[in-house]
Amino acid sequence: MYKVIKRILDCILAIILIIIFAIPMALVAIAIKAEDGGNVIYKSRRVGKDLKEFNVYKFRSMKTKRKELESNLTHEQMVTKVGKFIRKTSLDELPQLFNILKGEMSFIGPRPWIPEYYKWFTDTQKKRADVLPGISGLAQVKGRNGINIFRKIDYDLIYVHNISFKFDMKIIIETIKTVFSKADAEISEAGIKQEINELKIKNPVERVYKEVG
């Protein structure tokens, strides 16, 4: 029953936030376009509920010019000036409000990951896709990218097995507390490859997931 109510609440809140942040989103779009003339929105293929793939939307924060892409710049150096600001303030996530309206995401749930991860998941780990992915989730408030891939999955499954209005409110409050924290907020391509490698090598056995604190 709560999943139905959750979907209604998601839509109502997404519409309200789109109206509230309409001007800031327009200003961010103008700033991105003015900086280097590239696309405003970045689309990335991710896995959603029931293992269905979709495009997640974000304001682009990385450089796109071919010469820059072909250079030996680090991940941090590839981030634009505007990109650094919108990442720090989490404004880059605002376009995901439209993912929510489309029924592809929720405000709270496991973060949507690229399809490559799921090739190496156990059947139990794939259950993180039993609910809509979220803009924020339990793993994000418990350590973001400062925790290893298996702990992230643990937290995601804890959420899936204990989804409730009270749990969502707790995560939302913790998200607000950490939204301006830069610590471990982003994961680089190298970090993603490392996590996928860990999944391949360790091939974890299925475990029992218990509710935490």
N, C-alpha and C. Protein backbone atom coordinates (compact mmCIF):
# COMPACT_ATOMS: atom_id res chain seq x y z
N MET A 1 0.82 -1.21 0.00
CA MET A 1 0.00 0.00 0.00
C MET A 1 0.86 1.27 0.00
N TYR A 2 1.94 1.24 0.82
CA TYR A 2 2.78 2.43 0.90
C TYR A 2 3.43 2.75 -0.44
N LYS A 3 3.76 1.73 -1.23
CA LYS A 3 4.40 1.98 -2.52
C LYS A 3 3.51 2.82 -3.44
N VAL A 4 2.19 2.61 -3.34
CA VAL A 4 1.25 3.40 -4.14
C VAL A 4 1.23 4.85 -3.63
N ILE A 5 1.16 5.00 -2.30
CA ILE A 5 1.15 6.33 -1.69
C ILE A 5 2.47 7.05 -1.98
N LYS A 6 3.56 6.29 -1.91
CA LYS A 6 4.90 6.85 -2.17
C LYS A 6 4.97 7.44 -3.57
N ARG A 7 4.39 6.73 -4.54
CA ARG A 7 4.40 7.21 -5.93
C ARG A 7 3.61 8.51 -6.07
N ILE A 8 2.48 8.60 -5.41
CA ILE A 8 1.66 9.82 -5.46
C ILE A 8 2.41 10.98 -4.82
N LEU A 9 3.02 10.72 -3.66
CA LEU A 9 3.79 11.76 -2.97
C LEU A 9 4.98 12.22 -3.81
N ASP A 10 5.64 11.27 -4.48
CA ASP A 10 6.77 11.60 -5.35
C ASP A 10 6.34 12.59 -6.44
N CYS A 11 5.23 12.30 -7.09
CA CYS A 11 4.74 13.15 -8.19
C CYS A 11 4.38 14.55 -7.69
N ILE A 12 3.66 14.61 -6.58
CA ILE A 12 3.25 15.91 -6.03
C ILE A 12 4.47 16.74 -5.67
N LEU A 13 5.43 16.12 -4.95
CA LEU A 13 6.62 16.84 -4.52
C LEU A 13 7.49 17.24 -5.71
N ALA A 14 7.59 16.36 -6.72
CA ALA A 14 8.39 16.67 -7.91
C ALA A 14 7.83 17.89 -8.63
N ILE A 15 6.52 17.97 -8.78
CA ILE A 15 5.88 19.11 -9.45
C ILE A 15 6.14 20.39 -8.67
N ILE A 16 5.98 20.31 -7.34
CA ILE A 16 6.22 21.48 -6.49
C ILE A 16 7.66 21.97 -6.62
N LEU A 17 8.60 21.05 -6.59
CA LEU A 17 10.03 21.42 -6.67
C LEU A 17 10.40 21.95 -8.05
N ILE A 18 9.80 21.40 -9.10
CA ILE A 18 10.07 21.90 -10.46
C ILE A 18 9.62 23.36 -10.57
N ILE A 19 8.48 23.67 -9.96
CA ILE A 19 7.97 25.05 -9.97
C ILE A 19 8.90 25.95 -9.16
N ILE A 20 9.28 25.50 -7.96
CA ILE A 20 10.15 26.30 -7.08
C ILE A 20 11.52 26.54 -7.71
N PHE A 21 12.07 25.49 -8.33
CA PHE A 21 13.42 25.59 -8.88
C PHE A 21 13.47 25.90 -10.38
N ALA A 22 12.35 26.33 -10.93
CA ALA A 22 12.30 26.63 -12.38
C ALA A 22 13.32 27.69 -12.77
N ILE A 23 13.39 28.77 -12.01
CA ILE A 23 14.34 29.85 -12.32
C ILE A 23 15.78 29.41 -12.08
N PRO A 24 16.10 28.79 -10.92
CA PRO A 24 17.47 28.30 -10.73
C PRO A 24 17.89 27.31 -11.81
N MET A 25 16.98 26.43 -12.23
CA MET A 25 17.33 25.47 -13.28
C MET A 25 17.60 26.18 -14.59
N ALA A 26 16.81 27.22 -14.89
CA ALA A 26 17.03 27.99 -16.11
C ALA A 26 18.39 28.69 -16.07
N LEU A 27 18.73 29.23 -14.90
CA LEU A 27 20.02 29.93 -14.75
C LEU A 27 21.20 28.96 -14.89
N VAL A 28 21.05 27.77 -14.32
CA VAL A 28 22.10 26.75 -14.45
C VAL A 28 22.27 26.36 -15.91
N ALA A 29 21.16 26.18 -16.61
CA ALA A 29 21.21 25.80 -18.03
C ALA A 29 21.92 26.87 -18.85
N ILE A 30 21.60 28.13 -18.57
CA ILE A 30 22.24 29.25 -19.29
C ILE A 30 23.74 29.28 -18.99
N ALA A 31 24.11 29.08 -17.72
CA ALA A 31 25.52 29.11 -17.32
C ALA A 31 26.32 27.99 -17.99
N ILE A 32 25.73 26.80 -18.06
CA ILE A 32 26.41 25.66 -18.70
C ILE A 32 26.63 25.95 -20.18
N LYS A 33 25.59 26.47 -20.83
CA LYS A 33 25.67 26.77 -22.27
C LYS A 33 26.68 27.89 -22.53
N ALA A 34 26.69 28.88 -21.64
CA ALA A 34 27.59 30.03 -21.82
C ALA A 34 29.05 29.65 -21.63
N GLU A 35 29.30 28.67 -20.77
CA GLU A 35 30.70 28.32 -20.46
C GLU A 35 31.42 27.66 -21.63
N ASP A 36 30.78 26.68 -22.27
CA ASP A 36 31.49 26.02 -23.38
C ASP A 36 30.60 25.66 -24.56
N GLY A 37 29.34 26.04 -24.52
CA GLY A 37 28.45 25.82 -25.66
C GLY A 37 27.97 24.41 -25.86
N GLY A 38 28.31 23.51 -24.92
CA GLY A 38 27.90 22.11 -25.07
C GLY A 38 26.48 21.85 -24.61
N ASN A 39 26.08 20.58 -24.66
CA ASN A 39 24.75 20.21 -24.23
C ASN A 39 24.54 20.54 -22.76
N VAL A 40 23.33 20.95 -22.43
CA VAL A 40 23.00 21.30 -21.04
C VAL A 40 22.74 20.05 -20.21
N ILE A 41 22.02 19.10 -20.80
CA ILE A 41 21.63 17.89 -20.08
C ILE A 41 22.53 16.72 -20.47
N TYR A 42 22.96 15.98 -19.45
CA TYR A 42 23.75 14.77 -19.65
C TYR A 42 22.83 13.57 -19.40
N LYS A 43 22.80 12.64 -20.34
CA LYS A 43 21.98 11.44 -20.20
C LYS A 43 22.89 10.23 -20.02
N SER A 44 22.53 9.38 -19.08
CA SER A 44 23.32 8.18 -18.84
C SER A 44 22.40 6.98 -18.69
N ARG A 45 22.73 5.89 -19.37
CA ARG A 45 21.90 4.68 -19.32
C ARG A 45 22.07 3.99 -17.98
N ARG A 46 20.98 3.75 -17.28
CA ARG A 46 21.01 3.12 -15.97
C ARG A 46 19.96 2.01 -15.88
N VAL A 47 20.08 1.20 -14.83
CA VAL A 47 19.12 0.12 -14.59
C VAL A 47 18.13 0.59 -13.52
N GLY A 48 16.83 0.43 -13.83
CA GLY A 48 15.80 0.86 -12.90
C GLY A 48 15.03 -0.31 -12.31
N LYS A 49 13.81 -0.03 -11.90
CA LYS A 49 12.97 -1.04 -11.27
C LYS A 49 12.75 -2.22 -12.20
N ASP A 50 12.78 -3.42 -11.63
CA ASP A 50 12.59 -4.66 -12.38
C ASP A 50 13.62 -4.84 -13.49
N LEU A 51 14.80 -4.26 -13.27
CA LEU A 51 15.94 -4.39 -14.19
C LEU A 51 15.71 -3.75 -15.55
N LYS A 52 14.75 -2.83 -15.64
CA LYS A 52 14.49 -2.14 -16.90
C LYS A 52 15.43 -0.93 -17.01
N GLU A 53 16.03 -0.75 -18.19
CA GLU A 53 16.97 0.34 -18.40
C GLU A 53 16.24 1.64 -18.77
N PHE A 54 16.84 2.76 -18.39
CA PHE A 54 16.29 4.08 -18.72
C PHE A 54 17.42 5.10 -18.73
N ASN A 55 17.15 6.29 -19.24
CA ASN A 55 18.14 7.37 -19.24
C ASN A 55 17.94 8.25 -18.02
N VAL A 56 18.96 8.37 -17.18
CA VAL A 56 18.88 9.28 -16.04
C VAL A 56 19.39 10.64 -16.49
N TYR A 57 18.73 11.72 -16.03
CA TYR A 57 19.08 13.07 -16.46
C TYR A 57 19.87 13.80 -15.37
N LYS A 58 20.87 14.55 -15.83
CA LYS A 58 21.63 15.42 -14.94
C LYS A 58 22.05 16.66 -15.73
N PHE A 59 22.27 17.77 -15.02
CA PHE A 59 22.91 18.89 -15.67
C PHE A 59 24.36 18.49 -15.93
N ARG A 60 24.85 18.76 -17.14
CA ARG A 60 26.22 18.37 -17.50
C ARG A 60 27.22 19.16 -16.66
N SER A 61 28.19 18.44 -16.11
CA SER A 61 29.22 19.09 -15.30
C SER A 61 30.63 18.83 -15.83
N MET A 62 30.75 18.03 -16.89
CA MET A 62 32.05 17.69 -17.44
C MET A 62 32.29 18.41 -18.77
N LYS A 63 33.55 18.62 -19.09
CA LYS A 63 33.93 19.23 -20.36
C LYS A 63 33.61 18.28 -21.51
N THR A 64 33.29 18.86 -22.67
CA THR A 64 32.90 18.01 -23.80
C THR A 64 33.74 18.23 -25.06
N LYS A 65 34.56 19.27 -25.08
CA LYS A 65 35.35 19.53 -26.29
C LYS A 65 36.32 18.39 -26.57
N ARG A 66 36.40 18.00 -27.81
CA ARG A 66 37.19 16.83 -28.20
C ARG A 66 38.64 16.91 -27.75
N LYS A 67 39.29 18.07 -27.93
CA LYS A 67 40.69 18.21 -27.55
C LYS A 67 40.88 17.97 -26.05
N GLU A 68 39.91 18.43 -25.26
CA GLU A 68 40.00 18.25 -23.81
C GLU A 68 39.77 16.79 -23.44
N LEU A 69 38.84 16.15 -24.14
CA LEU A 69 38.52 14.76 -23.86
C LEU A 69 39.69 13.85 -24.23
N GLU A 70 40.45 14.26 -25.27
CA GLU A 70 41.56 13.43 -25.72
C GLU A 70 42.85 13.71 -24.95
N SER A 71 42.84 14.71 -24.10
CA SER A 71 44.04 15.04 -23.31
C SER A 71 44.13 14.12 -22.10
N ASN A 72 45.21 14.29 -21.34
CA ASN A 72 45.43 13.45 -20.17
C ASN A 72 44.95 14.11 -18.88
N LEU A 73 43.85 14.84 -18.96
CA LEU A 73 43.31 15.51 -17.79
C LEU A 73 42.75 14.47 -16.80
N THR A 74 42.87 14.78 -15.52
CA THR A 74 42.29 13.91 -14.50
C THR A 74 40.77 14.11 -14.48
N HIS A 75 40.08 13.23 -13.77
CA HIS A 75 38.62 13.34 -13.66
C HIS A 75 38.24 14.71 -13.10
N GLU A 76 38.96 15.16 -12.08
CA GLU A 76 38.64 16.45 -11.46
C GLU A 76 38.87 17.60 -12.42
N GLN A 77 39.93 17.52 -13.23
CA GLN A 77 40.23 18.58 -14.19
C GLN A 77 39.22 18.63 -15.34
N MET A 78 38.51 17.54 -15.55
CA MET A 78 37.50 17.49 -16.61
C MET A 78 36.20 18.17 -16.20
N VAL A 79 36.06 18.47 -14.91
CA VAL A 79 34.85 19.14 -14.43
C VAL A 79 34.93 20.63 -14.75
N THR A 80 33.86 21.19 -15.29
CA THR A 80 33.84 22.60 -15.64
C THR A 80 33.71 23.46 -14.37
N LYS A 81 33.89 24.77 -14.52
CA LYS A 81 33.74 25.68 -13.39
C LYS A 81 32.30 25.64 -12.87
N VAL A 82 31.36 25.70 -13.81
CA VAL A 82 29.95 25.61 -13.43
C VAL A 82 29.67 24.24 -12.81
N GLY A 83 30.29 23.21 -13.39
CA GLY A 83 30.11 21.85 -12.90
C GLY A 83 30.51 21.68 -11.45
N LYS A 84 31.61 22.32 -11.06
CA LYS A 84 32.08 22.22 -9.67
C LYS A 84 31.04 22.80 -8.72
N PHE A 85 30.43 23.91 -9.12
CA PHE A 85 29.43 24.56 -8.27
C PHE A 85 28.15 23.72 -8.16
N ILE A 86 27.66 23.22 -9.30
CA ILE A 86 26.39 22.48 -9.25
C ILE A 86 26.55 21.12 -8.60
N ARG A 87 27.77 20.55 -8.66
CA ARG A 87 28.01 19.30 -7.93
C ARG A 87 28.05 19.56 -6.43
N LYS A 88 28.72 20.63 -6.04
CA LYS A 88 28.85 20.95 -4.62
C LYS A 88 27.49 21.20 -3.99
N THR A 89 26.60 21.84 -4.73
CA THR A 89 25.28 22.19 -4.21
C THR A 89 24.20 21.17 -4.58
N SER A 90 24.60 20.12 -5.31
CA SER A 90 23.69 19.07 -5.78
C SER A 90 22.65 19.57 -6.78
N LEU A 91 22.87 20.75 -7.36
CA LEU A 91 21.96 21.28 -8.38
C LEU A 91 22.00 20.43 -9.65
N ASP A 92 23.10 19.70 -9.85
CA ASP A 92 23.20 18.85 -11.05
C ASP A 92 22.16 17.74 -11.05
N GLU A 93 21.60 17.42 -9.87
CA GLU A 93 20.63 16.33 -9.75
C GLU A 93 19.19 16.78 -10.09
N LEU A 94 18.95 18.08 -10.19
CA LEU A 94 17.58 18.58 -10.35
C LEU A 94 16.83 18.01 -11.56
N PRO A 95 17.49 17.79 -12.71
CA PRO A 95 16.74 17.22 -13.85
C PRO A 95 16.14 15.85 -13.55
N GLN A 96 16.61 15.18 -12.50
CA GLN A 96 16.03 13.88 -12.15
C GLN A 96 14.61 14.00 -11.62
N LEU A 97 14.18 15.23 -11.34
CA LEU A 97 12.77 15.45 -10.98
C LEU A 97 11.87 15.00 -12.13
N PHE A 98 12.37 15.14 -13.36
CA PHE A 98 11.59 14.71 -14.53
C PHE A 98 11.61 13.19 -14.67
N ASN A 99 12.71 12.55 -14.23
CA ASN A 99 12.73 11.08 -14.16
C ASN A 99 11.66 10.58 -13.19
N ILE A 100 11.47 11.33 -12.10
CA ILE A 100 10.46 10.96 -11.11
C ILE A 100 9.06 11.07 -11.72
N LEU A 101 8.79 12.17 -12.40
CA LEU A 101 7.48 12.35 -13.03
C LEU A 101 7.19 11.27 -14.07
N LYS A 102 8.23 10.80 -14.75
CA LYS A 102 8.07 9.76 -15.76
C LYS A 102 7.89 8.38 -15.14
N GLY A 103 8.03 8.27 -13.82
CA GLY A 103 7.86 6.99 -13.15
C GLY A 103 9.09 6.12 -13.20
N GLU A 104 10.25 6.72 -13.52
CA GLU A 104 11.50 5.96 -13.62
C GLU A 104 12.29 5.99 -12.31
N MET A 105 12.04 7.02 -11.49
CA MET A 105 12.77 7.16 -10.25
C MET A 105 11.85 7.62 -9.12
N SER A 106 12.39 7.60 -7.91
CA SER A 106 11.71 8.10 -6.72
C SER A 106 12.68 9.05 -6.02
N PHE A 107 12.20 9.76 -5.02
CA PHE A 107 13.11 10.61 -4.26
C PHE A 107 14.07 9.75 -3.43
N ILE A 108 13.54 8.67 -2.86
CA ILE A 108 14.36 7.79 -2.03
C ILE A 108 14.35 6.37 -2.58
N GLY A 109 15.55 5.79 -2.68
CA GLY A 109 15.69 4.43 -3.19
C GLY A 109 17.15 4.17 -3.52
N PRO A 110 17.51 2.97 -3.89
CA PRO A 110 18.90 2.69 -4.29
C PRO A 110 19.28 3.55 -5.50
N ARG A 111 20.48 4.09 -5.52
CA ARG A 111 20.90 4.89 -6.66
C ARG A 111 20.92 4.04 -7.93
N PRO A 112 20.49 4.60 -9.06
CA PRO A 112 20.52 3.83 -10.31
C PRO A 112 21.94 3.66 -10.82
N TRP A 113 22.34 2.42 -11.08
CA TRP A 113 23.70 2.14 -11.54
C TRP A 113 23.70 1.72 -13.00
N ILE A 114 24.89 1.80 -13.62
CA ILE A 114 25.03 1.42 -15.02
C ILE A 114 24.82 -0.10 -15.17
N PRO A 115 24.36 -0.55 -16.34
CA PRO A 115 24.06 -1.97 -16.56
C PRO A 115 25.21 -2.92 -16.27
N GLU A 116 26.45 -2.46 -16.44
CA GLU A 116 27.61 -3.34 -16.26
C GLU A 116 27.64 -3.98 -14.87
N TYR A 117 27.19 -3.24 -13.86
CA TYR A 117 27.19 -3.79 -12.49
C TYR A 117 26.35 -5.06 -12.41
N TYR A 118 25.20 -5.02 -13.05
CA TYR A 118 24.23 -6.10 -12.89
C TYR A 118 24.68 -7.41 -13.53
N LYS A 119 25.66 -7.36 -14.40
CA LYS A 119 26.18 -8.58 -15.02
C LYS A 119 26.88 -9.45 -13.99
N TRP A 120 27.31 -8.84 -12.89
CA TRP A 120 28.11 -9.55 -11.89
C TRP A 120 27.40 -9.70 -10.55
N PHE A 121 26.14 -9.33 -10.50
CA PHE A 121 25.37 -9.45 -9.27
C PHE A 121 24.85 -10.87 -9.04
N THR A 122 24.72 -11.26 -7.78
CA THR A 122 24.01 -12.49 -7.44
C THR A 122 22.51 -12.20 -7.55
N ASP A 123 21.69 -13.23 -7.52
CA ASP A 123 20.25 -13.03 -7.58
C ASP A 123 19.76 -12.16 -6.42
N THR A 124 20.36 -12.37 -5.27
CA THR A 124 19.97 -11.56 -4.11
C THR A 124 20.33 -10.10 -4.32
N GLN A 125 21.51 -9.83 -4.84
CA GLN A 125 21.94 -8.45 -5.06
C GLN A 125 21.06 -7.75 -6.10
N LYS A 126 20.54 -8.50 -7.05
CA LYS A 126 19.67 -7.91 -8.07
C LYS A 126 18.35 -7.42 -7.48
N LYS A 127 18.05 -7.83 -6.27
CA LYS A 127 16.80 -7.41 -5.63
C LYS A 127 16.81 -5.92 -5.27
N ARG A 128 17.97 -5.27 -5.38
CA ARG A 128 18.01 -3.82 -5.17
C ARG A 128 17.17 -3.12 -6.25
N ALA A 129 16.86 -3.85 -7.32
CA ALA A 129 16.03 -3.30 -8.39
C ALA A 129 14.55 -3.66 -8.22
N ASP A 130 14.18 -4.14 -7.04
CA ASP A 130 12.77 -4.45 -6.78
C ASP A 130 11.94 -3.20 -6.50
N VAL A 131 12.63 -2.07 -6.27
CA VAL A 131 11.94 -0.80 -6.05
C VAL A 131 12.51 0.23 -7.01
N LEU A 132 11.83 1.37 -7.15
CA LEU A 132 12.34 2.43 -8.01
C LEU A 132 13.66 2.97 -7.45
N PRO A 133 14.63 3.25 -8.31
CA PRO A 133 15.87 3.86 -7.85
C PRO A 133 15.59 5.28 -7.36
N GLY A 134 16.46 5.81 -6.51
CA GLY A 134 16.21 7.12 -5.93
C GLY A 134 17.29 8.15 -6.19
N ILE A 135 16.93 9.42 -5.99
CA ILE A 135 17.90 10.51 -6.05
C ILE A 135 18.85 10.38 -4.87
N SER A 136 18.31 9.96 -3.73
CA SER A 136 19.13 9.67 -2.56
C SER A 136 18.68 8.34 -1.98
N GLY A 137 19.53 7.76 -1.14
CA GLY A 137 19.18 6.46 -0.57
C GLY A 137 19.96 6.19 0.70
N LEU A 138 19.74 5.04 1.28
CA LEU A 138 20.39 4.69 2.54
C LEU A 138 21.91 4.65 2.40
N ALA A 139 22.40 4.10 1.29
CA ALA A 139 23.86 4.02 1.09
C ALA A 139 24.48 5.41 1.00
N GLN A 140 23.74 6.37 0.44
CA GLN A 140 24.27 7.73 0.29
C GLN A 140 24.41 8.41 1.65
N VAL A 141 23.47 8.21 2.55
CA VAL A 141 23.56 8.87 3.85
C VAL A 141 24.45 8.09 4.82
N LYS A 142 24.79 6.85 4.46
CA LYS A 142 25.65 6.04 5.32
C LYS A 142 27.12 6.11 4.92
N GLY A 143 27.43 6.87 3.87
CA GLY A 143 28.85 6.96 3.51
C GLY A 143 29.14 7.26 2.06
N ARG A 144 28.10 7.36 1.21
CA ARG A 144 28.31 7.65 -0.21
C ARG A 144 29.36 6.71 -0.79
N ASN A 145 30.38 7.31 -1.43
CA ASN A 145 31.43 6.49 -2.06
C ASN A 145 32.60 6.22 -1.12
N GLY A 146 32.40 6.52 0.18
CA GLY A 146 33.43 6.21 1.15
C GLY A 146 33.31 4.79 1.68
N ILE A 147 32.29 4.07 1.22
CA ILE A 147 32.12 2.67 1.61
C ILE A 147 32.27 1.79 0.37
N ASN A 148 32.64 0.52 0.58
CA ASN A 148 32.89 -0.33 -0.58
C ASN A 148 31.60 -0.79 -1.25
N ILE A 149 31.73 -1.36 -2.42
CA ILE A 149 30.60 -1.75 -3.24
C ILE A 149 29.66 -2.72 -2.53
N PHE A 150 30.22 -3.64 -1.77
CA PHE A 150 29.38 -4.65 -1.10
C PHE A 150 28.57 -4.04 0.04
N ARG A 151 29.17 -3.04 0.73
CA ARG A 151 28.43 -2.36 1.79
C ARG A 151 27.31 -1.52 1.20
N LYS A 152 27.56 -0.90 0.04
CA LYS A 152 26.51 -0.14 -0.64
C LYS A 152 25.32 -1.04 -0.95
N ILE A 153 25.62 -2.22 -1.48
CA ILE A 153 24.56 -3.17 -1.82
C ILE A 153 23.82 -3.62 -0.56
N ASP A 154 24.58 -3.85 0.52
CA ASP A 154 23.96 -4.21 1.80
C ASP A 154 22.91 -3.18 2.20
N TYR A 155 23.30 -1.91 2.17
CA TYR A 155 22.39 -0.84 2.58
C TYR A 155 21.18 -0.75 1.64
N ASP A 156 21.42 -0.94 0.34
CA ASP A 156 20.32 -0.89 -0.62
C ASP A 156 19.29 -1.99 -0.34
N LEU A 157 19.79 -3.18 -0.02
CA LEU A 157 18.89 -4.30 0.25
C LEU A 157 18.16 -4.12 1.58
N ILE A 158 18.83 -3.52 2.54
CA ILE A 158 18.17 -3.21 3.81
C ILE A 158 16.97 -2.31 3.54
N TYR A 159 17.18 -1.31 2.66
CA TYR A 159 16.09 -0.39 2.32
C TYR A 159 14.95 -1.14 1.62
N VAL A 160 15.30 -1.95 0.64
CA VAL A 160 14.28 -2.68 -0.12
C VAL A 160 13.41 -3.54 0.81
N HIS A 161 14.03 -4.18 1.78
CA HIS A 161 13.30 -5.09 2.67
C HIS A 161 12.56 -4.37 3.80
N ASN A 162 12.84 -3.08 3.97
CA ASN A 162 12.23 -2.34 5.09
C ASN A 162 11.61 -1.02 4.65
N ILE A 163 11.23 -0.92 3.38
CA ILE A 163 10.68 0.32 2.85
C ILE A 163 9.43 0.74 3.63
N SER A 164 9.41 2.00 4.03
CA SER A 164 8.27 2.54 4.78
C SER A 164 8.34 4.06 4.75
N PHE A 165 7.24 4.70 5.09
CA PHE A 165 7.19 6.16 5.14
C PHE A 165 8.19 6.68 6.17
N LYS A 166 8.24 6.04 7.33
CA LYS A 166 9.14 6.46 8.40
C LYS A 166 10.60 6.35 7.96
N PHE A 167 10.93 5.26 7.28
CA PHE A 167 12.29 5.04 6.80
C PHE A 167 12.66 6.12 5.77
N ASP A 168 11.73 6.42 4.85
CA ASP A 168 11.98 7.45 3.85
C ASP A 168 12.22 8.81 4.50
N MET A 169 11.42 9.16 5.51
CA MET A 169 11.58 10.45 6.19
C MET A 169 12.94 10.53 6.88
N LYS A 170 13.37 9.43 7.45
CA LYS A 170 14.67 9.39 8.12
C LYS A 170 15.80 9.64 7.12
N ILE A 171 15.70 9.02 5.94
CA ILE A 171 16.73 9.19 4.91
C ILE A 171 16.71 10.61 4.36
N ILE A 172 15.51 11.18 4.17
CA ILE A 172 15.39 12.55 3.67
C ILE A 172 16.06 13.53 4.63
N ILE A 173 15.83 13.37 5.92
CA ILE A 173 16.44 14.24 6.93
C ILE A 173 17.96 14.12 6.89
N GLU A 174 18.47 12.88 6.79
CA GLU A 174 19.91 12.67 6.73
C GLU A 174 20.50 13.22 5.43
N THR A 175 19.72 13.15 4.34
CA THR A 175 20.17 13.69 3.06
C THR A 175 20.34 15.19 3.13
N ILE A 176 19.37 15.87 3.74
CA ILE A 176 19.45 17.32 3.89
C ILE A 176 20.68 17.72 4.69
N LYS A 177 21.02 16.93 5.69
CA LYS A 177 22.19 17.22 6.52
C LYS A 177 23.49 17.11 5.74
N THR A 178 23.52 16.22 4.75
CA THR A 178 24.78 15.94 4.05
C THR A 178 24.85 16.52 2.64
N VAL A 179 23.79 17.21 2.18
CA VAL A 179 23.71 17.63 0.78
C VAL A 179 24.85 18.56 0.37
N PHE A 180 25.35 19.38 1.30
CA PHE A 180 26.43 20.30 0.95
C PHE A 180 27.82 19.74 1.26
N SER A 181 27.87 18.49 1.67
CA SER A 181 29.16 17.86 1.95
C SER A 181 29.77 17.35 0.66
N LYS A 182 31.04 17.70 0.41
CA LYS A 182 31.71 17.26 -0.82
C LYS A 182 32.33 15.88 -0.65
N ALA A 183 32.43 15.41 0.58
CA ALA A 183 33.16 14.17 0.85
C ALA A 183 32.54 12.98 0.14
N ASP A 184 33.31 12.36 -0.76
CA ASP A 184 32.89 11.14 -1.46
C ASP A 184 31.57 11.30 -2.22
N ALA A 185 31.30 12.52 -2.70
CA ALA A 185 30.03 12.77 -3.37
C ALA A 185 30.01 12.20 -4.79
N GLU A 186 31.16 12.15 -5.43
CA GLU A 186 31.23 11.68 -6.80
C GLU A 186 32.16 10.48 -6.92
N ILE A 187 31.86 9.62 -7.85
CA ILE A 187 32.75 8.49 -8.13
C ILE A 187 33.26 8.62 -9.56
N SER A 188 34.55 8.45 -9.74
CA SER A 188 35.16 8.59 -11.06
C SER A 188 34.96 7.32 -11.88
N GLU A 189 35.31 7.41 -13.16
CA GLU A 189 35.22 6.23 -14.03
C GLU A 189 36.15 5.14 -13.51
N ALA A 190 37.31 5.55 -13.00
CA ALA A 190 38.26 4.57 -12.44
C ALA A 190 37.65 3.88 -11.23
N GLY A 191 36.91 4.66 -10.43
CA GLY A 191 36.25 4.10 -9.26
C GLY A 191 35.18 3.09 -9.64
N ILE A 192 34.44 3.39 -10.69
CA ILE A 192 33.40 2.48 -11.17
C ILE A 192 34.03 1.18 -11.66
N LYS A 193 35.12 1.31 -12.42
CA LYS A 193 35.82 0.11 -12.93
C LYS A 193 36.33 -0.75 -11.79
N GLN A 194 36.84 -0.08 -10.75
CA GLN A 194 37.35 -0.81 -9.60
C GLN A 194 36.24 -1.58 -8.90
N GLU A 195 35.07 -0.95 -8.74
CA GLU A 195 33.94 -1.62 -8.10
C GLU A 195 33.48 -2.83 -8.91
N ILE A 196 33.42 -2.67 -10.22
CA ILE A 196 33.00 -3.78 -11.09
C ILE A 196 34.02 -4.91 -11.01
N ASN A 197 35.31 -4.55 -10.95
CA ASN A 197 36.36 -5.56 -10.80
C ASN A 197 36.21 -6.34 -9.51
N GLU A 198 35.87 -5.63 -8.43
CA GLU A 198 35.68 -6.29 -7.14
C GLU A 198 34.52 -7.28 -7.20
N LEU A 199 33.47 -6.90 -7.93
CA LEU A 199 32.34 -7.81 -8.09
C LEU A 199 32.76 -9.06 -8.86
N LYS A 200 33.56 -8.88 -9.90
CA LYS A 200 34.02 -10.00 -10.72
C LYS A 200 34.90 -10.96 -9.91
N ILE A 201 35.86 -10.38 -9.19
CA ILE A 201 36.87 -11.18 -8.50
C ILE A 201 36.33 -11.89 -7.26
N LYS A 202 35.62 -11.14 -6.43
CA LYS A 202 35.21 -11.69 -5.14
C LYS A 202 33.97 -12.57 -5.23
N ASN A 203 33.16 -12.33 -6.25
CA ASN A 203 31.97 -13.16 -6.47
C ASN A 203 31.32 -13.53 -5.14
N PRO A 204 30.83 -12.53 -4.41
CA PRO A 204 30.35 -12.75 -3.04
C PRO A 204 29.22 -13.77 -2.93
N VAL A 205 29.26 -14.54 -1.85
CA VAL A 205 28.18 -15.48 -1.59
C VAL A 205 26.97 -14.71 -1.09
N GLU A 206 25.80 -15.28 -1.19
CA GLU A 206 24.61 -14.61 -0.74
C GLU A 206 24.61 -14.54 0.79
N ARG A 207 24.16 -13.37 1.30
CA ARG A 207 24.18 -13.13 2.73
C ARG A 207 22.80 -12.77 3.25
N VAL A 208 22.67 -12.78 4.58
CA VAL A 208 21.42 -12.39 5.22
C VAL A 208 21.55 -10.91 5.58
N TYR A 209 20.56 -10.12 5.18
CA TYR A 209 20.62 -8.68 5.41
C TYR A 209 19.67 -8.31 6.56
N LYS A 210 20.21 -7.63 7.55
CA LYS A 210 19.43 -7.26 8.73
C LYS A 210 19.22 -5.74 8.77
N GLU A 211 18.12 -5.36 9.34
CA GLU A 211 17.82 -3.94 9.49
C GLU A 211 18.82 -3.30 10.44
N VAL A 212 19.23 -2.09 10.10
CA VAL A 212 20.16 -1.36 10.98
C VAL A 212 19.47 -0.17 11.58
N GLY A 213 20.05 0.26 12.72
CA GLY A 213 19.69 1.41 13.49
C GLY A 213 18.63 2.33 13.17
